[in-house]
């Protein structure tokens, strides 16, 4: 998404040595959309930036904070930028986040998203993504409270997705699967591998799939946040596509004098329903990766991610 020192829910920065693109590509499940687009646009080398984060939570009722706790989870962001022989640029972005059950009263939540975008002079021309998250149905404080504590089941449901888009069409496939309930964020790398292997076997039928010819730009969420951070404009409205649905990042960009950082302040908007998820992000001017970001996945829940050295 998004420069400063290497980084040591559901971090960004020191430039680390250039690594062969194949090292990253080998982690992608065979014949996945990510695999195909990366093979079609091989980069000579990739520069990687990484940052780690601590996740804090704030629970509110009628606008009043009734509970807050630090370090209930962790997160990580990776950005990989490369150039191809035909003057295209490749941008790979990964975000993973999850709760730490021993710090979050037993709550076990995990999410992962990886994006790959190809851009030329006029912007993005093609993209692909892969992701998964634990399935959660809590919509209010009562349901959220009931989800605390040991799960009581041997298996936890996950939803996984693979998708791709060009300037003229998009497609995605959504899958349902289960994994052991004692698997949590501490095993994220292992879970990523398991999900990819499961999809690569082609044994699961998609729970939902769609292919459409749409004139929406092939931008992805992390990519448009990265664009907003790099933009010279103060008012930014960036459309992106996810699972066949159009969304928009609506943010104002300004200097936050209290923190001495640049800030994006706004929301993620569903273009069809108009629903909004508040979103704020702070970063060094000219930086590529956030130092802090927060969003409100539920009306009662605010998640804050602070940069933390590994």
Foldseek 3Di string as FASTA:
>chain_A
DWEDCAFLACFFANWDDKDAPVVVLVLFFPPFPVNVVCVVFPFRIKIKTKFKWFKKKFFDDPPHTPDIDTRQKMKMKMWIWGAGPVGKIKIKIKIKMWGDCVRQQRQFKIKIKIKIFIAHPVGTFKMKMKMKIFDDDDADPVSVVVRGHHNPDQKTKMKIKIWMDGQFKIKMFIFIDIDGSPDHPVCVSVVSSVVSVVVSVVPTDGPDMDMGGDNFHADDDVRVVNVVLVDPAQWDWDWHDDRRFIKIDTWGWDQDVVVRWIKTWDWIAGPPPRDTKTKMFTDHRVRTDTQKIWIAPHPRMIMIIGTDHD
